Amino acid sequence: MNLATLPLLPHQQSNCKVDLPYANFHELLTSKAREAPSREFLIFPESDRRYTYQQFCEISLAASEWLTSRTHNFGTICIAFRNTPEFLAIYFGAVARGITVVPVNPDLAAAEIAFIIENSDCEAVFYDPDLEGKIAPLKKEMAVPFHSFANVSDLPQVDRQIAEAHLPKVEPNTPAAIIYTSGTTGYPKGVVLSHMNFIVDGMGMAEWFEFTPATRSLCILPLFHNNGLVVSTTTTLFAGGSIVMIDPKASLRSFWALVDRYRATHTSVMPSILAAILAMGFDGKRGQLEGIICGGQLLPLSLAHRFEDRFGVPIFEGFGSTEAASYSCFNRFPASRRKLGSVGTVLPVCEMKVVDDSDLEVADGTEGEICIRGANVAIGYHKLPELQAQKFRNGWYHSGDFGLRDTDGHYYFRSRKDDLIVKGGEKIYPAEIENVLSKHPNVTESAVIGVDDPILGQEICAFAHLKDASATTENELLKFCAQSLARFKQPKRIVIVNRLGDMQELPKGPTKKILYRLLRDYYERRLANSEDPEGLKWVLGSTGG
């Protein structure tokens, strides 16, 4: 299918000549099932379940029929599962019918889940029964129907031909998923991704890394993120390979054992995961992994060198975003073609450039904002027209990331254009935490910054100004945050500025805007190397992220 024949948005058009071999996810899955029905597709070590391409294709059709038995009018559904067969069964079953799926992070607080359910306009919620304690209050408060789904084995048997005949035609630009990511207002923003976005990006990466049916991907990142859905799932599926699905929380200590046991050839991680694996002191089996895909935050060269020297596995750093399906550029394959320190060159499925504040492209070697356009770039944001106009202007997606391109076409990531915190690959805006702190009766104002952390990349430090400096402790504020924020969003440290000897107020400019830069400078000068500077008692706390 020639993309030139499709009604593409301006920011999806490019000079790249890309042919789309499959119109949608179901076409992709059924094609691979026809090619090799008995080849292993999905392996779930925790539950000891395995599915061939043929078996999972039948499961997805059964899930599709089961969904229609709940209602015939689903447009959008929310799903809350970990990396389980049930997540993928409902996902593939839903998108086969043209239903848009909103994956929900099960670790979010109940209030955060409620926001996504309401904001996405979903018509039903499907969830793992293990989440009943968190979901039960929402079922009482929300009008949307909730359905627990325990096991794919509970799905009814279906006649494949009849089930296929019931499926509607799903066009490539039909929304497949809305992935919620942190927003500048403190509320998550929904990124709408089409079947075309997923498949084009997966195709680009599969061809870049020369994936084959012998490829075995170890998926240790969550499926509710675009990385798990695109890099591990869609990319490996496109190549007809196999995927070992792991619960991210249980994967690190057994990482090398899993690689060895399941003969994994590739995995996708954040730099913080590489640091954690190094810190654990386990030895890996050299030569088993052919490569590690890495991105999501800056990869320190020293970390890359230490990991490669110890384990003998090449790391391929890349750059991208949820709004570009996942990755848009990568270090070249094989490893001998890499330029370490860069995030590589542009995938053949899209285009990139670096611009100044006037949106004019800058010369190579000059820093500016990185922009992307192509068929992998999202439809846009859900119900955020102003942000849509700002970020997808002039036919390009403006990433908000600063970087540069060298004369050889390699890109280099420098920093976020805004104050985004990236903690262990999780993207967190300060406003999300400030919104919670502002609800405390003794907090007059607050400011949240990201501070360097050797394992997670960044940790969260909050500065709070109190009405009565003696009435509330740092630990009480940490516990207050824990009531409304997911664990990974909770500050590790909270500083009450009223009690600081040399900064009694949050620093502000002439327009009374809080100067986050000065807070970061203060932290580096006075607090970074001491847990108790001048009598200040840091609360590292059990509720920390």
Protein backbone atom coordinates (compact mmCIF):
# COMPACT_ATOMS: atom_id res chain seq x y z
CA MET A 1 0.00 0.00 0.00
CA ASN A 2 1.51 3.30 -1.08
CA LEU A 3 1.24 5.87 1.68
CA ALA A 4 0.91 8.60 -0.92
CA THR A 5 -2.63 7.33 -1.58
CA LEU A 6 -3.68 7.81 2.06
CA PRO A 7 -5.16 11.03 3.51
CA LEU A 8 -2.14 11.95 5.63
CA LEU A 9 -1.94 14.91 7.99
CA PRO A 10 0.66 17.59 7.12
CA HIS A 11 3.07 16.40 9.82
CA GLN A 12 2.77 12.81 8.53
CA GLN A 13 3.82 13.71 5.00
CA SER A 14 7.50 13.45 4.11
CA ASN A 15 9.90 12.85 1.27
CA CYS A 16 10.41 9.25 2.41
CA LYS A 17 9.18 6.57 0.02
CA VAL A 18 7.42 4.15 2.37
CA ASP A 19 5.18 1.27 1.35
CA LEU A 20 2.82 -0.06 4.03
CA PRO A 21 2.59 -3.84 3.66
CA TYR A 22 -0.26 -4.22 6.15
CA ALA A 23 -3.25 -1.93 6.60
CA ASN A 24 -3.76 -2.72 10.28
CA PHE A 25 -2.64 -4.84 13.22
CA HIS A 26 -4.98 -7.73 12.39
CA GLU A 27 -3.64 -8.01 8.85
CA LEU A 28 -0.11 -8.07 10.24
CA LEU A 29 -0.90 -10.78 12.82
CA THR A 30 -2.86 -13.04 10.45
CA SER A 31 -0.19 -12.73 7.77
CA LYS A 32 2.49 -13.96 10.17
CA ALA A 33 0.18 -16.75 11.38
CA ARG A 34 -0.26 -17.95 7.80
CA GLU A 35 3.50 -17.86 7.17
CA ALA A 36 4.42 -19.90 10.25
CA PRO A 37 1.38 -21.04 12.26
CA SER A 38 3.36 -23.27 14.63
CA ARG A 39 6.18 -20.80 15.35
CA GLU A 40 6.28 -19.60 18.95
CA PHE A 41 5.05 -16.01 19.19
CA LEU A 42 4.50 -15.19 22.88
CA ILE A 43 6.18 -16.64 25.98
CA PHE A 44 5.13 -15.65 29.51
CA PRO A 45 7.61 -17.09 32.04
CA GLU A 46 5.73 -15.97 35.18
CA SER A 47 2.58 -17.92 34.29
CA ASP A 48 4.39 -20.54 32.19
CA ARG A 49 2.14 -19.87 29.19
CA ARG A 50 3.24 -20.04 25.54
CA TYR A 51 1.34 -19.31 22.34
CA THR A 52 2.15 -19.99 18.72
CA TYR A 53 1.18 -17.50 16.04
CA GLN A 54 -1.82 -19.64 15.13
CA GLN A 55 -2.96 -19.98 18.73
CA PHE A 56 -2.70 -16.29 19.49
CA CYS A 57 -4.44 -15.33 16.25
CA GLU A 58 -7.39 -17.49 17.36
CA ILE A 59 -7.25 -15.95 20.85
CA SER A 60 -7.40 -12.42 19.42
CA LEU A 61 -10.43 -13.37 17.29
CA ALA A 62 -12.12 -14.90 20.33
CA ALA A 63 -11.40 -11.72 22.30
CA SER A 64 -12.86 -9.65 19.47
CA GLU A 65 -16.08 -11.70 19.53
CA TRP A 66 -16.18 -11.53 23.34
CA LEU A 67 -15.89 -7.75 23.22
CA THR A 68 -18.85 -7.48 20.85
CA SER A 69 -20.91 -9.58 23.24
CA ARG A 70 -20.52 -6.77 25.80
CA THR A 71 -21.75 -4.10 23.40
CA HIS A 72 -21.78 -3.41 19.67
CA ASN A 73 -20.89 0.24 20.00
CA PHE A 74 -17.42 0.40 21.51
CA GLY A 75 -15.39 3.25 20.09
CA THR A 76 -12.78 3.47 22.84
CA ILE A 77 -11.96 1.20 25.77
CA CYS A 78 -9.52 1.41 28.68
CA ILE A 79 -7.51 -1.64 29.70
CA ALA A 80 -5.57 -2.05 32.95
CA PHE A 81 -3.25 -5.06 32.95
CA ARG A 82 0.43 -5.80 33.39
CA ASN A 83 2.46 -7.69 30.76
CA THR A 84 0.02 -10.58 30.49
CA PRO A 85 -1.70 -12.57 27.72
CA GLU A 86 -4.92 -10.87 28.75
CA PHE A 87 -3.54 -7.41 27.89
CA LEU A 88 -2.51 -8.50 24.40
CA ALA A 89 -5.66 -10.56 23.78
CA ILE A 90 -7.94 -7.61 24.45
CA TYR A 91 -5.63 -5.19 22.63
CA PHE A 92 -5.44 -7.23 19.43
CA GLY A 93 -9.09 -8.23 19.67
CA ALA A 94 -10.19 -4.63 20.05
CA VAL A 95 -8.06 -3.04 17.33
CA ALA A 96 -9.17 -5.77 14.91
CA ARG A 97 -12.64 -4.23 15.21
CA GLY A 98 -11.44 -0.64 14.85
CA ILE A 99 -11.79 -0.02 18.60
CA THR A 100 -9.29 2.43 20.10
CA VAL A 101 -7.48 1.06 23.16
CA VAL A 102 -6.30 3.21 26.08
CA PRO A 103 -3.70 1.26 28.08
CA VAL A 104 -3.68 2.32 31.74
CA ASN A 105 -0.71 2.01 34.07
CA PRO A 106 -1.96 -0.22 36.93
CA ASP A 107 0.41 1.55 39.33
CA LEU A 108 -1.34 4.90 38.97
CA ALA A 109 -3.35 6.18 41.90
CA ALA A 110 -7.12 5.69 41.65
CA ALA A 111 -7.66 9.40 41.00
CA GLU A 112 -5.18 9.32 38.12
CA ILE A 113 -6.91 6.30 36.59
CA ALA A 114 -10.26 8.05 36.93
CA PHE A 115 -8.91 11.07 35.04
CA ILE A 116 -7.77 8.92 32.11
CA ILE A 117 -11.09 7.07 31.99
CA GLU A 118 -13.04 10.33 31.89
CA ASN A 119 -10.70 12.24 29.60
CA SER A 120 -10.44 9.46 27.02
CA ASP A 121 -14.25 9.23 26.68
CA CYS A 122 -13.92 5.47 26.93
CA GLU A 123 -17.08 3.38 26.82
CA ALA A 124 -15.87 0.47 28.96
CA VAL A 125 -12.98 -0.51 31.22
CA PHE A 126 -11.40 -3.97 31.21
CA TYR A 127 -9.07 -4.85 34.05
CA ASP A 128 -7.12 -7.57 35.83
CA PRO A 129 -9.05 -8.94 38.84
CA ASP A 130 -5.87 -8.45 40.90
CA LEU A 131 -6.59 -4.71 40.67
CA GLU A 132 -10.06 -5.05 42.21
CA GLY A 133 -9.05 -3.18 45.38
CA LYS A 134 -8.07 -0.11 43.37
CA ILE A 135 -10.89 -0.40 40.80
CA ALA A 136 -13.77 -1.06 43.24
CA PRO A 137 -14.17 2.58 44.37
CA LEU A 138 -14.13 3.76 40.74
CA LYS A 139 -16.91 1.32 39.84
CA LYS A 140 -19.10 3.00 42.43
CA GLU A 141 -18.31 6.54 41.33
CA MET A 142 -18.21 6.27 37.52
CA ALA A 143 -20.98 5.57 35.02
CA VAL A 144 -18.77 3.64 32.59
CA PRO A 145 -19.12 -0.18 32.78
CA PHE A 146 -16.21 -2.17 34.24
CA HIS A 147 -15.37 -5.76 33.23
CA SER A 148 -12.78 -7.95 34.92
CA PHE A 149 -10.95 -10.40 32.67
CA ALA A 150 -9.03 -13.14 34.42
CA ASN A 151 -7.70 -15.55 31.81
CA VAL A 152 -7.65 -15.96 28.04
CA SER A 153 -8.64 -19.59 28.59
CA ASP A 154 -12.08 -18.30 29.62
CA LEU A 155 -12.71 -16.93 26.13
CA PRO A 156 -15.30 -18.89 24.11
CA GLN A 157 -14.19 -20.98 21.17
CA VAL A 158 -14.97 -19.35 17.83
CA ASP A 159 -15.05 -20.41 14.21
CA ARG A 160 -12.18 -18.52 12.65
CA GLN A 161 -13.82 -18.01 9.26
CA ILE A 162 -17.04 -16.73 10.79
CA ALA A 163 -15.16 -14.47 13.20
CA GLU A 164 -13.06 -13.05 10.37
CA ALA A 165 -16.23 -12.35 8.37
CA HIS A 166 -17.62 -10.30 11.28
CA LEU A 167 -14.65 -7.94 11.34
CA PRO A 168 -15.08 -4.48 9.82
CA LYS A 169 -12.56 -2.95 7.43
CA VAL A 170 -10.00 -1.03 9.47
CA GLU A 171 -8.10 1.68 7.60
CA PRO A 172 -4.42 2.42 8.32
CA ASN A 173 -5.15 5.85 9.79
CA THR A 174 -7.76 4.49 12.23
CA PRO A 175 -6.72 5.29 15.82
CA ALA A 176 -5.35 2.14 17.45
CA ALA A 177 -4.37 3.51 20.85
CA ILE A 178 -4.32 6.59 23.03
CA ILE A 179 -1.15 6.54 25.10
CA TYR A 180 -1.28 8.88 28.09
CA THR A 181 1.93 10.64 28.97
CA SER A 182 2.74 13.47 31.36
CA GLY A 183 1.29 16.88 30.53
CA THR A 184 2.52 20.44 31.04
CA THR A 185 -0.62 21.37 32.99
CA GLY A 186 -0.04 18.63 35.54
CA TYR A 187 -2.58 16.33 33.92
CA PRO A 188 -1.66 13.50 31.53
CA LYS A 189 -2.11 14.15 27.83
CA GLY A 190 -3.42 11.50 25.47
CA VAL A 191 -1.38 10.85 22.31
CA VAL A 192 -3.53 9.33 19.55
CA LEU A 193 -1.62 6.75 17.49
CA SER A 194 -2.97 5.01 14.39
CA HIS A 195 -2.40 1.50 13.06
CA MET A 196 -0.15 3.10 10.45
CA ASN A 197 1.96 4.84 13.11
CA PHE A 198 2.67 1.58 14.95
CA ILE A 199 3.32 -0.54 11.88
CA VAL A 200 5.51 2.00 10.08
CA ASP A 201 7.70 2.55 13.15
CA GLY A 202 7.87 -1.18 13.85
CA MET A 203 8.77 -1.86 10.22
CA GLY A 204 11.47 0.82 10.28
CA MET A 205 13.13 -0.65 13.37
CA ALA A 206 12.78 -4.29 12.28
CA GLU A 207 14.52 -3.52 9.00
CA TRP A 208 17.13 -1.28 10.66
CA PHE A 209 18.23 -4.03 13.06
CA GLU A 210 17.73 -6.82 10.51
CA PHE A 211 15.26 -8.70 12.67
CA THR A 212 14.27 -12.15 11.35
CA PRO A 213 11.93 -14.98 12.41
CA ALA A 214 14.84 -16.16 14.60
CA THR A 215 14.73 -12.91 16.61
CA ARG A 216 13.72 -13.34 20.25
CA SER A 217 12.89 -10.12 22.07
CA LEU A 218 12.91 -9.93 25.84
CA CYS A 219 10.19 -7.40 26.73
CA ILE A 220 10.95 -5.98 30.17
CA LEU A 221 9.24 -2.62 29.68
CA PRO A 222 5.50 -2.27 30.33
CA LEU A 223 2.97 -2.74 27.54
CA PHE A 224 1.01 0.31 28.69
CA HIS A 225 3.94 2.39 27.35
CA ASN A 226 4.58 2.88 23.66
CA ASN A 227 8.02 1.27 24.05
CA GLY A 228 6.56 -2.09 25.07
CA LEU A 229 3.85 -1.95 22.42
CA VAL A 230 6.06 -0.73 19.58
CA VAL A 231 9.69 -1.73 20.13
CA SER A 232 9.20 -5.16 21.68
CA THR A 233 5.80 -6.17 20.28
CA THR A 234 5.14 -4.57 16.90
CA THR A 235 8.77 -4.67 15.75
CA THR A 236 9.24 -8.35 16.60
CA LEU A 237 5.81 -9.25 15.20
CA PHE A 238 6.68 -7.52 11.93
CA ALA A 239 9.75 -9.78 11.63
CA GLY A 240 7.78 -12.89 12.58
CA GLY A 241 9.94 -13.43 15.67
CA SER A 242 9.19 -14.45 19.25
CA ILE A 243 8.61 -12.29 22.33
CA VAL A 244 9.37 -13.21 25.94
CA MET A 245 7.02 -11.07 28.04
CA ILE A 246 8.23 -10.26 31.55
CA ASP A 247 6.67 -8.34 34.41
CA PRO A 248 9.01 -5.32 34.61
CA LYS A 249 9.01 -5.41 38.40
CA ALA A 250 10.39 -8.94 38.50
CA SER A 251 12.82 -8.84 35.62
CA LEU A 252 16.06 -7.22 36.73
CA ARG A 253 17.39 -9.74 39.25
CA SER A 254 16.66 -12.57 36.82
CA PHE A 255 17.64 -10.63 33.70
CA TRP A 256 20.61 -12.75 32.60
CA ALA A 257 18.92 -16.01 33.63
CA LEU A 258 15.97 -15.09 31.41
CA VAL A 259 18.25 -14.15 28.51
CA ASP A 260 19.99 -17.52 28.82
CA ARG A 261 16.91 -19.65 29.41
CA TYR A 262 14.86 -18.22 26.56
CA ARG A 263 17.78 -17.54 24.18
CA ALA A 264 16.85 -13.87 23.85
CA THR A 265 18.62 -12.01 21.06
CA HIS A 266 17.43 -8.45 21.78
CA THR A 267 15.85 -6.31 24.46
CA SER A 268 14.81 -2.67 24.84
CA VAL A 269 15.65 -0.70 28.00
CA MET A 270 16.11 2.70 29.58
CA PRO A 271 19.64 3.73 30.65
CA SER A 272 18.60 3.41 34.29
CA ILE A 273 17.99 -0.31 33.72
CA LEU A 274 21.53 -0.74 32.41
CA ALA A 275 22.84 0.98 35.55
CA ALA A 276 20.73 -1.26 37.79
CA ILE A 277 21.91 -4.44 36.04
CA LEU A 278 25.51 -3.32 36.46
CA ALA A 279 24.96 -2.55 40.14
CA MET A 280 23.58 -6.02 40.88
CA GLY A 281 26.90 -7.71 40.27
CA PHE A 282 25.56 -10.68 38.31
CA ASP A 283 27.48 -12.07 35.37
CA GLY A 284 25.84 -12.41 31.99
CA LYS A 285 26.36 -14.95 29.26
CA ARG A 286 28.51 -13.16 26.72
CA GLY A 287 27.44 -13.48 23.13
CA GLN A 288 23.81 -14.43 23.75
CA LEU A 289 22.26 -10.99 23.34
CA GLU A 290 23.00 -9.53 19.91
CA GLY A 291 22.03 -6.00 20.88
CA ILE A 292 20.26 -3.75 23.37
CA ILE A 293 18.01 -0.93 22.19
CA CYS A 294 18.26 2.01 24.56
CA GLY A 295 16.60 5.41 24.87
CA GLY A 296 14.07 7.44 26.85
CA GLN A 297 16.70 9.47 28.69
CA LEU A 298 20.30 10.49 28.19
CA LEU A 299 22.71 7.54 28.12
CA PRO A 300 26.03 8.51 29.76
CA LEU A 301 28.96 7.31 27.68
CA SER A 302 30.70 5.99 30.78
CA LEU A 303 27.70 3.80 31.57
CA ALA A 304 27.58 2.45 28.01
CA HIS A 305 31.29 1.64 28.05
CA ARG A 306 31.15 -0.09 31.45
CA PHE A 307 28.17 -2.20 30.39
CA GLU A 308 29.64 -3.22 27.05
CA ASP A 309 33.07 -3.96 28.53
CA ARG A 310 31.58 -6.18 31.18
CA PHE A 311 28.90 -8.03 29.22
CA GLY A 312 30.07 -7.80 25.63
CA VAL A 313 26.67 -6.64 24.34
CA PRO A 314 26.45 -3.64 21.96
CA ILE A 315 24.04 -0.87 22.96
CA PHE A 316 22.16 0.98 20.23
CA GLU A 317 21.05 4.36 21.50
CA GLY A 318 18.16 6.08 19.77
CA PHE A 319 15.85 9.07 20.01
CA GLY A 320 12.11 9.43 19.72
CA SER A 321 8.91 10.11 21.61
CA THR A 322 5.40 8.82 22.14
CA GLU A 323 4.24 11.37 19.57
CA ALA A 324 6.49 9.68 16.98
CA ALA A 325 5.19 6.18 17.89
CA SER A 326 8.52 5.44 19.55
CA TYR A 327 11.90 5.89 17.86
CA SER A 328 12.78 8.14 14.94
CA CYS A 329 16.54 7.67 14.79
CA PHE A 330 19.10 5.11 15.92
CA ASN A 331 22.77 4.39 15.99
CA ARG A 332 23.66 2.42 12.91
CA PHE A 333 23.64 -1.35 12.78
CA PRO A 334 25.84 -3.36 13.08
CA ALA A 335 27.79 -2.10 16.08
CA SER A 336 30.90 -1.28 14.04
CA ARG A 337 28.92 1.50 12.30
CA ARG A 338 27.83 3.28 15.48
CA LYS A 339 28.94 6.75 16.52
CA LEU A 340 28.87 6.44 20.30
CA GLY A 341 27.60 9.49 22.12
CA SER A 342 25.09 10.24 19.39
CA VAL A 343 21.50 9.00 19.10
CA GLY A 344 22.23 7.98 15.53
CA THR A 345 20.80 8.76 12.13
CA VAL A 346 17.19 9.01 10.96
CA LEU A 347 15.14 5.91 10.25
CA PRO A 348 14.12 5.64 6.57
CA VAL A 349 10.44 6.01 7.48
CA CYS A 350 10.63 9.63 8.66
CA GLU A 351 12.54 12.91 8.55
CA MET A 352 14.13 15.04 11.28
CA LYS A 353 15.57 18.52 11.52
CA VAL A 354 16.81 21.02 14.12
CA VAL A 355 15.23 24.49 14.29
CA ASP A 356 15.67 27.75 16.17
CA ASP A 357 13.01 29.68 18.09
CA SER A 358 11.64 31.00 14.78
CA ASP A 359 11.25 27.48 13.38
CA LEU A 360 14.08 28.06 10.90
CA GLU A 361 16.38 25.09 10.32
CA VAL A 362 19.81 25.67 11.82
CA ALA A 363 23.21 24.72 10.44
CA ASP A 364 24.79 21.40 11.36
CA GLY A 365 26.58 21.65 14.69
CA THR A 366 24.12 24.25 16.03
CA GLU A 367 21.81 23.38 18.91
CA GLY A 368 18.08 23.83 18.55
CA GLU A 369 14.78 22.01 18.92
CA ILE A 370 14.51 18.60 17.28
CA CYS A 371 11.51 18.20 14.95
CA ILE A 372 10.07 15.08 13.27
CA ARG A 373 7.65 14.37 10.45
CA GLY A 374 6.54 11.19 8.72
CA ALA A 375 4.07 8.32 8.77
CA ASN A 376 5.21 7.28 12.25
CA VAL A 377 4.11 10.62 13.75
CA ALA A 378 0.88 10.51 15.76
CA ILE A 379 -2.48 11.84 14.71
CA GLY A 380 -2.12 14.25 17.61
CA TYR A 381 -3.43 14.95 21.08
CA HIS A 382 -6.83 13.93 22.42
CA LYS A 383 -9.00 16.96 23.20
CA LEU A 384 -6.07 19.41 23.42
CA PRO A 385 -6.47 21.69 20.37
CA GLU A 386 -4.14 24.43 21.61
CA LEU A 387 -1.34 22.01 22.39
CA GLN A 388 -2.00 20.29 19.06
CA ALA A 389 -1.55 23.56 17.20
CA GLN A 390 1.58 24.41 19.13
CA LYS A 391 3.41 21.07 18.90
CA PHE A 392 2.36 20.01 15.37
CA ARG A 393 2.81 23.36 13.65
CA ASN A 394 4.16 24.02 10.17
CA GLY A 395 3.94 20.39 9.14
CA TRP A 396 6.37 19.12 11.82
CA TYR A 397 6.12 17.65 15.31
CA HIS A 398 8.15 19.85 17.67
CA SER A 399 9.59 17.49 20.26
CA GLY A 400 10.54 20.00 22.95
CA ASP A 401 14.01 18.40 23.04
CA PHE A 402 17.20 20.32 22.42
CA GLY A 403 19.93 18.75 20.32
CA LEU A 404 22.00 19.07 17.18
CA ARG A 405 22.98 17.24 14.00
CA ASP A 406 26.56 16.82 12.83
CA THR A 407 27.79 16.93 9.24
CA ASP A 408 27.54 13.13 8.98
CA GLY A 409 23.81 13.21 9.79
CA HIS A 410 24.13 11.96 13.35
CA TYR A 411 21.87 13.56 15.95
CA TYR A 412 22.82 14.39 19.53
CA PHE A 413 20.32 14.84 22.34
CA ARG A 414 21.20 17.58 24.84
CA SER A 415 18.30 18.33 27.18
CA ARG A 416 14.59 18.94 27.53
CA LYS A 417 13.36 22.27 26.38
CA ASP A 418 11.07 22.42 29.40
CA ASP A 419 11.37 21.16 32.96
CA LEU A 420 10.32 17.58 32.36
CA ILE A 421 11.68 15.08 34.88
CA VAL A 422 12.67 11.67 33.49
CA LYS A 423 12.94 9.18 36.34
CA GLY A 424 13.87 5.67 35.31
CA GLY A 425 12.30 6.31 31.92
CA GLU A 426 9.04 7.58 33.43
CA LYS A 427 8.23 11.10 32.30
CA ILE A 428 6.95 13.37 35.07
CA TYR A 429 6.12 17.05 34.88
CA PRO A 430 6.66 19.15 38.02
CA ALA A 431 3.10 20.43 37.77
CA GLU A 432 1.74 16.94 38.49
CA ILE A 433 3.31 16.99 41.96
CA GLU A 434 2.81 20.70 42.55
CA ASN A 435 -0.92 20.25 41.90
CA VAL A 436 -1.05 17.71 44.74
CA LEU A 437 1.06 19.74 47.16
CA SER A 438 -1.12 22.78 46.53
CA LYS A 439 -4.05 20.89 48.04
CA HIS A 440 -2.32 20.61 51.42
CA PRO A 441 -3.88 23.19 53.77
CA ASN A 442 -0.50 24.41 55.04
CA VAL A 443 1.28 24.75 51.67
CA THR A 444 1.22 28.21 50.12
CA GLU A 445 3.25 27.32 47.04
CA SER A 446 5.67 24.70 45.82
CA ALA A 447 8.15 23.96 43.07
CA VAL A 448 9.41 20.57 41.93
CA ILE A 449 12.67 19.84 40.14
CA GLY A 450 14.52 16.81 38.86
CA VAL A 451 17.92 16.14 40.43
CA ASP A 452 20.65 13.78 39.26
CA ASP A 453 20.43 10.15 40.36
CA PRO A 454 23.06 7.55 39.40
CA ILE A 455 20.54 4.74 38.89
CA LEU A 456 17.28 6.37 37.78
CA GLY A 457 18.79 9.25 35.83
CA GLN A 458 16.77 11.72 37.89
CA GLU A 459 14.98 11.80 41.23
CA ILE A 460 12.31 14.19 42.43
CA CYS A 461 12.95 17.01 44.89
CA ALA A 462 10.12 19.32 45.98
CA PHE A 463 10.47 22.74 47.60
CA ALA A 464 7.45 23.82 49.63
CA HIS A 465 6.64 27.13 51.31
CA LEU A 466 4.33 26.78 54.31
CA LYS A 467 1.87 29.12 55.96
CA ASP A 468 3.10 27.96 59.36
CA ALA A 469 6.64 26.59 59.11
CA SER A 470 6.36 24.73 62.40
CA ALA A 471 3.01 23.06 61.80
CA THR A 472 3.97 20.46 59.17
CA THR A 473 6.96 18.17 58.78
CA GLU A 474 8.65 17.00 55.59
CA ASN A 475 7.52 13.45 56.33
CA GLU A 476 3.90 14.54 56.62
CA LEU A 477 4.13 16.17 53.19
CA LEU A 478 5.63 12.99 51.72
CA LYS A 479 2.75 10.96 53.12
CA PHE A 480 0.28 13.52 51.77
CA CYS A 481 1.74 13.13 48.27
CA ALA A 482 1.61 9.33 48.56
CA GLN A 483 -2.18 9.48 48.90
CA SER A 484 -2.66 10.93 45.41
CA LEU A 485 0.41 10.06 43.34
CA ALA A 486 1.73 6.86 41.86
CA ARG A 487 4.83 5.66 43.65
CA PHE A 488 7.21 6.66 40.88
CA LYS A 489 5.87 10.23 40.98
CA GLN A 490 6.31 10.72 44.71
CA PRO A 491 9.16 13.05 45.73
CA LYS A 492 12.18 11.45 47.33
CA ARG A 493 12.99 14.69 49.12
CA ILE A 494 10.88 17.63 50.26
CA VAL A 495 12.51 20.86 51.45
CA ILE A 496 10.54 23.38 53.51
CA VAL A 497 12.01 26.65 52.31
CA ASN A 498 10.82 28.64 55.36
CA ARG A 499 13.42 26.70 57.34
CA LEU A 500 16.36 27.40 55.03
CA GLY A 501 18.76 29.97 56.35
CA ASP A 502 19.60 31.53 52.99
CA MET A 503 16.43 31.01 50.90
CA GLN A 504 13.25 31.77 52.79
CA GLU A 505 11.15 32.16 49.64
CA LEU A 506 11.00 30.38 46.30
CA PRO A 507 13.13 32.39 43.82
CA LYS A 508 11.07 34.38 41.31
CA GLY A 509 11.58 36.71 38.39
CA PRO A 510 10.07 40.16 37.86
CA THR A 511 6.80 38.63 36.67
CA LYS A 512 6.67 36.47 39.84
CA LYS A 513 7.33 33.34 37.87
CA ILE A 514 9.22 30.72 39.87
CA LEU A 515 12.77 30.35 38.59
CA TYR A 516 13.36 26.61 38.46
CA ARG A 517 16.87 27.15 37.14
CA LEU A 518 17.84 28.89 40.38
CA LEU A 519 16.34 26.07 42.42
CA ARG A 520 18.43 23.56 40.53
CA ASP A 521 21.51 25.73 41.02
CA TYR A 522 20.77 26.01 44.75
CA TYR A 523 20.36 22.27 45.05
CA GLU A 524 23.68 21.60 43.31
CA ARG A 525 25.54 24.18 45.41
CA ARG A 526 24.08 23.52 48.84
CA LEU A 527 22.27 20.21 48.98
CA ALA A 528 23.49 17.68 46.41
CA ASN A 529 26.42 16.34 48.40
CA SER A 530 24.92 16.39 51.86
CA GLU A 531 21.90 14.76 53.43
CA ASP A 532 21.91 17.23 56.33
CA PRO A 533 23.24 20.61 55.16
CA GLU A 534 23.25 23.19 57.97
CA GLY A 535 20.80 21.24 60.08
CA LEU A 536 18.32 20.51 57.29
CA LYS A 537 16.92 17.02 57.82
CA TRP A 538 16.30 15.31 54.51
CA VAL A 539 13.43 12.89 54.52
CA LEU A 540 14.40 9.98 52.28
CA GLY A 541 11.34 8.15 53.56
CA SER A 542 9.66 4.84 52.90
CA THR A 543 7.13 6.59 50.68
CA GLY A 544 9.80 7.87 48.30
CA GLY A 545 9.79 7.02 44.62
